[in-house]
Amino acid sequence: MARAILRFVRVSPTKSRLIAREIQGMNAEEALAALEFTPNKAAKIISKVVASAVANSGLDAEDCVISSCRVDNGPVLKRFRPRARGMASGIRKPTAHILVEVEGK
């Protein structure tokens, strides 16, 4: 079993988990093809992590199965936006840690 981890990436973990659940258990080659046509920022990032995990395994993409794809919360960058009458409202910029594990058939 080989794995790849991408940490502190600026993408929402909630939105990324939707993509991660879709590809879990899929063949790595099919997953990469599906992620290529998914119109989502997280899909492009997760496809790079899947490709890295396949490269770490030393096998071809058609011989690998994604055993686990996990997206964990990272630290939240807190910013402020000025508002009317001297007030400010908060902006949360979430980060995520993406872990992909592949294993041979």
N, C-alpha and C. Protein backbone atom coordinates (compact mmCIF):
# COMPACT_ATOMS: atom_id res chain seq x y z
N MET A 1 0.85 -1.17 0.00
CA MET A 1 0.00 0.00 0.00
C MET A 1 0.89 1.23 0.00
N ALA A 2 0.59 2.16 -0.88
CA ALA A 2 1.33 3.42 -0.98
C ALA A 2 0.38 4.56 -0.72
N ARG A 3 0.93 5.67 -0.25
CA ARG A 3 0.06 6.81 0.02
C ARG A 3 0.75 8.11 -0.31
N ALA A 4 -0.08 9.15 -0.45
CA ALA A 4 0.41 10.50 -0.71
C ALA A 4 -0.42 11.45 0.13
N ILE A 5 0.23 12.46 0.69
CA ILE A 5 -0.44 13.44 1.56
C ILE A 5 -0.13 14.83 1.03
N LEU A 6 -1.16 15.63 0.93
CA LEU A 6 -1.01 17.05 0.61
C LEU A 6 -1.58 17.82 1.77
N ARG A 7 -0.76 18.64 2.40
CA ARG A 7 -1.18 19.33 3.61
C ARG A 7 -1.26 20.84 3.38
N PHE A 8 -2.13 21.47 4.14
CA PHE A 8 -2.31 22.93 4.16
C PHE A 8 -2.71 23.50 2.80
N VAL A 9 -3.56 22.77 2.07
CA VAL A 9 -4.01 23.26 0.77
C VAL A 9 -5.24 24.14 0.98
N ARG A 10 -5.30 25.25 0.23
CA ARG A 10 -6.37 26.24 0.42
C ARG A 10 -7.62 25.85 -0.35
N VAL A 11 -8.32 24.87 0.18
CA VAL A 11 -9.59 24.44 -0.39
C VAL A 11 -10.48 24.02 0.77
N SER A 12 -11.77 24.19 0.61
CA SER A 12 -12.70 23.87 1.69
C SER A 12 -12.76 22.36 1.91
N PRO A 13 -12.54 21.88 3.14
CA PRO A 13 -12.60 20.45 3.38
C PRO A 13 -13.99 19.87 3.17
N THR A 14 -15.02 20.65 3.45
CA THR A 14 -16.40 20.17 3.27
C THR A 14 -16.69 19.88 1.81
N LYS A 15 -16.28 20.78 0.93
CA LYS A 15 -16.51 20.59 -0.50
C LYS A 15 -15.60 19.50 -1.07
N SER A 16 -14.41 19.36 -0.50
CA SER A 16 -13.47 18.36 -0.98
C SER A 16 -13.91 16.94 -0.63
N ARG A 17 -14.59 16.78 0.51
CA ARG A 17 -15.03 15.45 0.92
C ARG A 17 -16.05 14.87 -0.05
N LEU A 18 -16.85 15.72 -0.69
CA LEU A 18 -17.82 15.23 -1.67
C LEU A 18 -17.11 14.53 -2.83
N ILE A 19 -15.99 15.12 -3.26
CA ILE A 19 -15.21 14.53 -4.35
C ILE A 19 -14.49 13.27 -3.87
N ALA A 20 -13.96 13.33 -2.65
CA ALA A 20 -13.18 12.20 -2.12
C ALA A 20 -14.05 10.96 -1.95
N ARG A 21 -15.30 11.13 -1.55
CA ARG A 21 -16.19 9.98 -1.38
C ARG A 21 -16.54 9.33 -2.72
N GLU A 22 -16.57 10.13 -3.78
CA GLU A 22 -16.90 9.58 -5.10
C GLU A 22 -15.84 8.61 -5.60
N ILE A 23 -14.57 8.94 -5.36
CA ILE A 23 -13.50 8.13 -5.97
C ILE A 23 -13.02 7.01 -5.07
N GLN A 24 -13.49 6.94 -3.83
CA GLN A 24 -13.04 5.91 -2.91
C GLN A 24 -13.48 4.54 -3.41
N GLY A 25 -12.54 3.60 -3.50
CA GLY A 25 -12.84 2.27 -3.98
C GLY A 25 -12.76 2.11 -5.49
N MET A 26 -12.53 3.20 -6.21
CA MET A 26 -12.44 3.12 -7.67
C MET A 26 -11.06 2.68 -8.12
N ASN A 27 -10.99 2.22 -9.34
CA ASN A 27 -9.71 1.99 -9.99
C ASN A 27 -9.04 3.35 -10.17
N ALA A 28 -7.74 3.43 -9.99
CA ALA A 28 -7.04 4.71 -10.04
C ALA A 28 -7.13 5.36 -11.41
N GLU A 29 -7.09 4.56 -12.47
CA GLU A 29 -7.17 5.11 -13.82
C GLU A 29 -8.56 5.71 -14.07
N GLU A 30 -9.61 5.02 -13.63
CA GLU A 30 -10.97 5.55 -13.77
C GLU A 30 -11.17 6.80 -12.93
N ALA A 31 -10.58 6.80 -11.75
CA ALA A 31 -10.71 7.96 -10.86
C ALA A 31 -10.06 9.19 -11.47
N LEU A 32 -8.88 9.02 -12.04
CA LEU A 32 -8.20 10.15 -12.67
C LEU A 32 -9.00 10.68 -13.86
N ALA A 33 -9.62 9.78 -14.63
CA ALA A 33 -10.44 10.20 -15.76
C ALA A 33 -11.69 10.94 -15.28
N ALA A 34 -12.30 10.45 -14.20
CA ALA A 34 -13.50 11.11 -13.68
C ALA A 34 -13.16 12.48 -13.09
N LEU A 35 -12.03 12.58 -12.41
CA LEU A 35 -11.64 13.85 -11.79
C LEU A 35 -11.27 14.90 -12.83
N GLU A 36 -10.79 14.45 -13.98
CA GLU A 36 -10.39 15.39 -15.04
C GLU A 36 -11.59 16.19 -15.55
N PHE A 37 -12.77 15.56 -15.55
CA PHE A 37 -13.95 16.22 -16.09
C PHE A 37 -14.90 16.73 -15.00
N THR A 38 -14.45 16.73 -13.77
CA THR A 38 -15.27 17.28 -12.68
C THR A 38 -14.95 18.76 -12.53
N PRO A 39 -15.94 19.64 -12.70
CA PRO A 39 -15.67 21.09 -12.66
C PRO A 39 -15.62 21.61 -11.24
N ASN A 40 -14.52 21.32 -10.56
CA ASN A 40 -14.40 21.68 -9.16
C ASN A 40 -12.92 21.93 -8.85
N LYS A 41 -12.66 22.91 -8.01
CA LYS A 41 -11.27 23.21 -7.63
C LYS A 41 -10.65 22.02 -6.91
N ALA A 42 -11.43 21.39 -6.04
CA ALA A 42 -10.93 20.26 -5.25
C ALA A 42 -10.60 19.06 -6.14
N ALA A 43 -11.34 18.88 -7.23
CA ALA A 43 -11.11 17.73 -8.11
C ALA A 43 -9.73 17.79 -8.74
N LYS A 44 -9.31 18.97 -9.14
CA LYS A 44 -7.99 19.12 -9.75
C LYS A 44 -6.89 18.82 -8.73
N ILE A 45 -7.08 19.27 -7.50
CA ILE A 45 -6.09 19.05 -6.45
C ILE A 45 -6.02 17.57 -6.08
N ILE A 46 -7.20 16.93 -5.92
CA ILE A 46 -7.23 15.52 -5.52
C ILE A 46 -6.65 14.64 -6.62
N SER A 47 -6.84 15.03 -7.89
CA SER A 47 -6.27 14.21 -8.97
C SER A 47 -4.75 14.22 -8.93
N LYS A 48 -4.16 15.34 -8.54
CA LYS A 48 -2.70 15.39 -8.42
C LYS A 48 -2.21 14.50 -7.28
N VAL A 49 -2.98 14.45 -6.19
CA VAL A 49 -2.59 13.61 -5.05
C VAL A 49 -2.75 12.13 -5.42
N VAL A 50 -3.80 11.80 -6.16
CA VAL A 50 -3.98 10.41 -6.61
C VAL A 50 -2.83 10.00 -7.53
N ALA A 51 -2.45 10.89 -8.45
CA ALA A 51 -1.34 10.59 -9.36
C ALA A 51 -0.04 10.39 -8.58
N SER A 52 0.15 11.18 -7.53
CA SER A 52 1.35 11.04 -6.71
C SER A 52 1.35 9.72 -5.94
N ALA A 53 0.19 9.32 -5.43
CA ALA A 53 0.10 8.06 -4.71
C ALA A 53 0.36 6.87 -5.64
N VAL A 54 -0.13 6.96 -6.87
CA VAL A 54 0.12 5.89 -7.85
C VAL A 54 1.61 5.83 -8.18
N ALA A 55 2.24 6.99 -8.33
CA ALA A 55 3.68 7.02 -8.61
C ALA A 55 4.48 6.47 -7.44
N ASN A 56 4.03 6.74 -6.20
CA ASN A 56 4.72 6.22 -5.02
C ASN A 56 4.61 4.70 -4.92
N SER A 57 3.51 4.13 -5.46
CA SER A 57 3.33 2.68 -5.37
C SER A 57 4.24 1.93 -6.34
N GLY A 58 4.65 2.60 -7.42
CA GLY A 58 5.50 1.95 -8.40
C GLY A 58 4.73 1.08 -9.38
N LEU A 59 3.41 1.11 -9.31
CA LEU A 59 2.57 0.34 -10.22
C LEU A 59 1.95 1.25 -11.27
N ASP A 60 1.32 0.64 -12.28
CA ASP A 60 0.58 1.42 -13.26
C ASP A 60 -0.77 1.81 -12.68
N ALA A 61 -1.39 2.85 -13.24
CA ALA A 61 -2.67 3.35 -12.73
C ALA A 61 -3.78 2.31 -12.88
N GLU A 62 -3.71 1.49 -13.95
CA GLU A 62 -4.78 0.50 -14.14
C GLU A 62 -4.67 -0.67 -13.17
N ASP A 63 -3.50 -0.82 -12.51
CA ASP A 63 -3.31 -1.91 -11.55
C ASP A 63 -3.56 -1.49 -10.11
N CYS A 64 -3.93 -0.23 -9.88
CA CYS A 64 -4.13 0.29 -8.52
C CYS A 64 -5.60 0.55 -8.24
N VAL A 65 -5.95 0.38 -6.97
CA VAL A 65 -7.30 0.70 -6.49
C VAL A 65 -7.14 1.68 -5.33
N ILE A 66 -7.98 2.72 -5.31
CA ILE A 66 -7.92 3.70 -4.23
C ILE A 66 -8.61 3.11 -3.02
N SER A 67 -7.81 2.71 -2.03
CA SER A 67 -8.38 2.07 -0.85
C SER A 67 -8.96 3.09 0.11
N SER A 68 -8.36 4.28 0.19
CA SER A 68 -8.90 5.30 1.07
C SER A 68 -8.52 6.67 0.56
N CYS A 69 -9.47 7.57 0.61
CA CYS A 69 -9.24 8.97 0.25
C CYS A 69 -9.88 9.80 1.34
N ARG A 70 -9.06 10.49 2.10
CA ARG A 70 -9.54 11.19 3.29
C ARG A 70 -9.19 12.65 3.22
N VAL A 71 -10.12 13.51 3.64
CA VAL A 71 -9.88 14.95 3.68
C VAL A 71 -10.13 15.41 5.11
N ASP A 72 -9.08 15.92 5.76
CA ASP A 72 -9.18 16.39 7.14
C ASP A 72 -9.11 17.91 7.17
N ASN A 73 -9.61 18.47 8.26
CA ASN A 73 -9.54 19.92 8.44
C ASN A 73 -8.12 20.36 8.74
N GLY A 74 -7.72 21.45 8.14
CA GLY A 74 -6.45 22.09 8.48
C GLY A 74 -6.74 23.35 9.29
N PRO A 75 -5.75 24.16 9.54
CA PRO A 75 -6.00 25.40 10.26
C PRO A 75 -6.80 26.38 9.42
N VAL A 76 -7.55 27.23 10.07
CA VAL A 76 -8.40 28.21 9.38
C VAL A 76 -7.71 29.56 9.44
N LEU A 77 -7.51 30.17 8.26
CA LEU A 77 -6.94 31.51 8.20
C LEU A 77 -8.07 32.50 8.46
N LYS A 78 -7.90 33.36 9.45
CA LYS A 78 -8.96 34.31 9.80
C LYS A 78 -8.60 35.69 9.31
N ARG A 79 -9.50 36.27 8.52
CA ARG A 79 -9.31 37.60 7.95
C ARG A 79 -10.51 38.46 8.31
N PHE A 80 -10.40 39.77 8.11
CA PHE A 80 -11.49 40.68 8.42
C PHE A 80 -11.81 41.54 7.22
N ARG A 81 -13.09 41.83 7.06
CA ARG A 81 -13.57 42.72 6.00
C ARG A 81 -14.19 43.93 6.66
N PRO A 82 -13.76 45.13 6.27
CA PRO A 82 -14.37 46.33 6.86
C PRO A 82 -15.83 46.47 6.43
N ARG A 83 -16.67 46.89 7.36
CA ARG A 83 -18.09 47.06 7.10
C ARG A 83 -18.50 48.50 7.44
N ALA A 84 -19.75 48.75 7.32
CA ALA A 84 -20.26 50.10 7.55
C ALA A 84 -20.13 50.50 9.03
N ARG A 85 -20.03 51.79 9.27
CA ARG A 85 -19.98 52.40 10.61
C ARG A 85 -18.82 51.88 11.44
N GLY A 86 -17.68 51.64 10.79
CA GLY A 86 -16.46 51.29 11.52
C GLY A 86 -16.40 49.87 12.04
N MET A 87 -17.34 49.04 11.64
CA MET A 87 -17.33 47.66 12.12
C MET A 87 -16.52 46.78 11.17
N ALA A 88 -16.36 45.54 11.57
CA ALA A 88 -15.67 44.57 10.72
C ALA A 88 -16.37 43.23 10.88
N SER A 89 -16.41 42.46 9.81
CA SER A 89 -16.95 41.11 9.89
C SER A 89 -15.85 40.13 9.52
N GLY A 90 -15.94 38.94 10.06
CA GLY A 90 -14.89 37.95 9.86
C GLY A 90 -15.03 37.18 8.58
N ILE A 91 -13.91 36.76 8.03
CA ILE A 91 -13.86 35.87 6.88
C ILE A 91 -13.02 34.67 7.29
N ARG A 92 -13.55 33.47 7.06
CA ARG A 92 -12.81 32.25 7.38
C ARG A 92 -12.30 31.64 6.07
N LYS A 93 -11.00 31.42 5.99
CA LYS A 93 -10.40 30.80 4.82
C LYS A 93 -9.88 29.43 5.25
N PRO A 94 -10.68 28.38 5.03
CA PRO A 94 -10.29 27.06 5.52
C PRO A 94 -9.18 26.42 4.70
N THR A 95 -8.42 25.57 5.35
CA THR A 95 -7.41 24.76 4.67
C THR A 95 -7.73 23.29 4.93
N ALA A 96 -7.12 22.41 4.15
CA ALA A 96 -7.41 20.98 4.27
C ALA A 96 -6.12 20.17 4.13
N HIS A 97 -6.17 18.96 4.69
CA HIS A 97 -5.12 17.96 4.51
C HIS A 97 -5.75 16.80 3.74
N ILE A 98 -5.17 16.44 2.59
CA ILE A 98 -5.73 15.39 1.74
C ILE A 98 -4.79 14.18 1.77
N LEU A 99 -5.33 13.01 2.09
CA LEU A 99 -4.56 11.76 2.17
C LEU A 99 -5.20 10.75 1.22
N VAL A 100 -4.41 10.17 0.34
CA VAL A 100 -4.88 9.15 -0.60
C VAL A 100 -4.00 7.92 -0.44
N GLU A 101 -4.65 6.76 -0.26
CA GLU A 101 -3.93 5.49 -0.16
C GLU A 101 -4.38 4.58 -1.31
N VAL A 102 -3.39 4.02 -2.01
CA VAL A 102 -3.70 3.08 -3.10
C VAL A 102 -3.04 1.74 -2.80
N GLU A 103 -3.64 0.70 -3.32
CA GLU A 103 -3.04 -0.63 -3.19
C GLU A 103 -3.24 -1.39 -4.50
N GLY A 104 -2.41 -2.37 -4.73
CA GLY A 104 -2.50 -3.17 -5.95
C GLY A 104 -3.74 -4.05 -5.93
N LYS A 105 -4.15 -4.48 -7.13
CA LYS A 105 -5.37 -5.31 -7.23
C LYS A 105 -5.18 -6.63 -6.54
